[in-house]
C-alpha atoms as a PDB file:
ATOM      1  CA  MET A   1      44.454  -8.238 -47.602  1.00  0.00           C
ATOM      2  CA  SER A   2      44.992 -11.443 -45.598  1.00  0.00           C
ATOM      3  CA  THR A   3      43.665 -11.909 -42.078  1.00  0.00           C
ATOM      4  CA  GLY A   4      46.998 -13.435 -41.061  1.00  0.00           C
ATOM      5  CA  ILE A   5      45.072 -16.118 -39.166  1.00  0.00           C
ATOM      6  CA  THR A   6      46.582 -19.592 -39.435  1.00  0.00           C
ATOM      7  CA  ALA A   7      45.604 -23.078 -38.346  1.00  0.00           C
ATOM      8  CA  GLU A   8      48.777 -23.114 -36.240  1.00  0.00           C
ATOM      9  CA  ALA A   9      47.736 -19.949 -34.377  1.00  0.00           C
ATOM     10  CA  LEU A  10      44.280 -21.379 -33.659  1.00  0.00           C
ATOM     11  CA  ARG A  11      45.833 -24.655 -32.522  1.00  0.00           C
ATOM     12  CA  ALA A  12      48.207 -22.876 -30.137  1.00  0.00           C
ATOM     13  CA  ARG A  13      45.386 -20.852 -28.596  1.00  0.00           C
ATOM     14  CA  LEU A  14      43.141 -23.894 -28.132  1.00  0.00           C
ATOM     15  CA  GLU A  15      46.004 -25.854 -26.576  1.00  0.00           C
ATOM     16  CA  GLU A  16      46.679 -22.963 -24.192  1.00  0.00           C
ATOM     17  CA  LYS A  17      43.054 -22.382 -23.164  1.00  0.00           C
ATOM     18  CA  LEU A  18      41.401 -25.827 -23.337  1.00  0.00           C
ATOM     19  CA  ALA A  19      44.204 -28.411 -22.860  1.00  0.00           C
ATOM     20  CA  PRO A  20      42.728 -30.694 -25.528  1.00  0.00           C
ATOM     21  CA  THR A  21      43.259 -34.427 -25.505  1.00  0.00           C
ATOM     22  CA  GLN A  22      42.511 -34.478 -29.248  1.00  0.00           C
ATOM     23  CA  LEU A  23      42.774 -31.541 -31.622  1.00  0.00           C
ATOM     24  CA  GLU A  24      42.613 -31.053 -35.367  1.00  0.00           C
ATOM     25  CA  VAL A  25      42.429 -27.604 -36.975  1.00  0.00           C
ATOM     26  CA  LEU A  26      41.782 -27.411 -40.713  1.00  0.00           C
ATOM     27  CA  ASP A  27      41.930 -24.256 -42.844  1.00  0.00           C
ATOM     28  CA  GLU A  28      39.061 -24.708 -45.310  1.00  0.00           C
ATOM     29  CA  SER A  29      39.271 -21.151 -46.655  1.00  0.00           C
ATOM     30  CA  ALA A  30      40.342 -22.106 -50.183  1.00  0.00           C
ATOM     31  CA  ALA A  31      37.096 -24.055 -50.628  1.00  0.00           C
ATOM     32  CA  HIS A  32      35.151 -20.831 -49.964  1.00  0.00           C
ATOM     33  CA  LEU A  33      36.789 -18.496 -52.489  1.00  0.00           C
ATOM     34  CA  GLY A  34      34.159 -16.129 -53.804  1.00  0.00           C
ATOM     35  CA  HIS A  35      31.840 -16.674 -50.830  1.00  0.00           C
ATOM     36  CA  ALA A  36      30.920 -14.123 -48.186  1.00  0.00           C
ATOM     37  CA  GLY A  37      33.675 -13.504 -45.670  1.00  0.00           C
ATOM     38  CA  GLN A  38      36.453 -14.760 -47.950  1.00  0.00           C
ATOM     39  CA  ASP A  39      39.260 -12.226 -48.314  1.00  0.00           C
ATOM     40  CA  GLY A  40      40.478 -13.500 -51.700  1.00  0.00           C
ATOM     41  CA  THR A  41      43.705 -15.038 -50.384  1.00  0.00           C
ATOM     42  CA  GLY A  42      42.366 -18.575 -49.919  1.00  0.00           C
ATOM     43  CA  ALA A  43      43.552 -18.678 -46.304  1.00  0.00           C
ATOM     44  CA  GLY A  44      42.627 -17.532 -42.834  1.00  0.00           C
ATOM     45  CA  THR A  45      38.864 -17.048 -42.980  1.00  0.00           C
ATOM     46  CA  HIS A  46      37.126 -20.443 -42.747  1.00  0.00           C
ATOM     47  CA  PHE A  47      38.264 -23.135 -40.300  1.00  0.00           C
ATOM     48  CA  ARG A  48      37.079 -26.494 -38.954  1.00  0.00           C
ATOM     49  CA  VAL A  49      38.060 -27.548 -35.425  1.00  0.00           C
ATOM     50  CA  ARG A  50      37.715 -31.087 -34.088  1.00  0.00           C
ATOM     51  CA  ILE A  51      38.451 -31.049 -30.373  1.00  0.00           C
ATOM     52  CA  ALA A  52      38.129 -33.084 -27.196  1.00  0.00           C
ATOM     53  CA  SER A  53      38.867 -31.410 -23.874  1.00  0.00           C
ATOM     54  CA  PRO A  54      38.425 -32.218 -20.200  1.00  0.00           C
ATOM     55  CA  PHE A  55      36.701 -28.819 -19.954  1.00  0.00           C
ATOM     56  CA  PHE A  56      33.784 -30.281 -21.942  1.00  0.00           C
ATOM     57  CA  THR A  57      33.049 -33.025 -19.403  1.00  0.00           C
ATOM     58  CA  GLY A  58      29.504 -32.751 -18.095  1.00  0.00           C
ATOM     59  CA  ARG A  59      28.667 -29.791 -20.318  1.00  0.00           C
ATOM     60  CA  PRO A  60      26.060 -29.744 -23.073  1.00  0.00           C
ATOM     61  CA  LYS A  61      27.367 -29.409 -26.637  1.00  0.00           C
ATOM     62  CA  VAL A  62      26.326 -25.748 -26.800  1.00  0.00           C
ATOM     63  CA  ALA A  63      28.393 -24.964 -23.688  1.00  0.00           C
ATOM     64  CA  ALA A  64      31.420 -26.816 -25.115  1.00  0.00           C
ATOM     65  CA  HIS A  65      31.111 -24.850 -28.363  1.00  0.00           C
ATOM     66  CA  ARG A  66      30.903 -21.622 -26.362  1.00  0.00           C
ATOM     67  CA  LEU A  67      34.229 -22.462 -24.675  1.00  0.00           C
ATOM     68  CA  VAL A  68      35.833 -22.825 -28.107  1.00  0.00           C
ATOM     69  CA  TYR A  69      34.306 -19.552 -29.333  1.00  0.00           C
ATOM     70  CA  ASP A  70      35.453 -17.784 -26.165  1.00  0.00           C
ATOM     71  CA  ALA A  71      39.011 -19.121 -26.578  1.00  0.00           C
ATOM     72  CA  LEU A  72      39.116 -17.861 -30.175  1.00  0.00           C
ATOM     73  CA  ARG A  73      37.228 -14.568 -29.669  1.00  0.00           C
ATOM     74  CA  ASP A  74      40.038 -12.268 -30.816  1.00  0.00           C
ATOM     75  CA  PHE A  75      40.481 -14.328 -34.006  1.00  0.00           C
ATOM     76  CA  LEU A  76      36.751 -14.060 -34.703  1.00  0.00           C
ATOM     77  CA  ASP A  77      36.922 -10.323 -34.113  1.00  0.00           C
ATOM     78  CA  GLY A  78      40.002 -10.138 -36.381  1.00  0.00           C
ATOM     79  CA  GLY A  79      38.596 -11.659 -39.554  1.00  0.00           C
ATOM     80  CA  LEU A  80      37.889 -15.330 -38.951  1.00  0.00           C
ATOM     81  CA  HIS A  81      34.549 -15.500 -40.749  1.00  0.00           C
ATOM     82  CA  ALA A  82      33.415 -19.103 -40.257  1.00  0.00           C
ATOM     83  CA  LEU A  83      34.241 -21.677 -37.615  1.00  0.00           C
ATOM     84  CA  ALA A  84      32.865 -25.210 -37.778  1.00  0.00           C
ATOM     85  CA  ILE A  85      33.256 -26.962 -34.419  1.00  0.00           C
ATOM     86  CA  GLU A  86      33.101 -30.684 -33.826  1.00  0.00           C
ATOM     87  CA  THR A  87      33.421 -31.567 -30.137  1.00  0.00           C
ATOM     88  CA  LEU A  88      34.529 -35.113 -29.420  1.00  0.00           C
END
């Protein structure tokens, strides 16, 4: 069963919550087929986010990552297994 999570849905949420000046969301799920957390569909479980946001200004990297996790909390609770974050 698919999580139904898409790169487009993550992008929309991050745009809404963090007003990024740069944003790239990549679905890397297919590269993790057979690994823990993969649902067998090749989509919707493993993502990479590259993001720059004015909300990160003056914050340590851990705090910036926390903002991303907080923005995507319901996706994480709904089956997103792995999230790689690169703050710019």
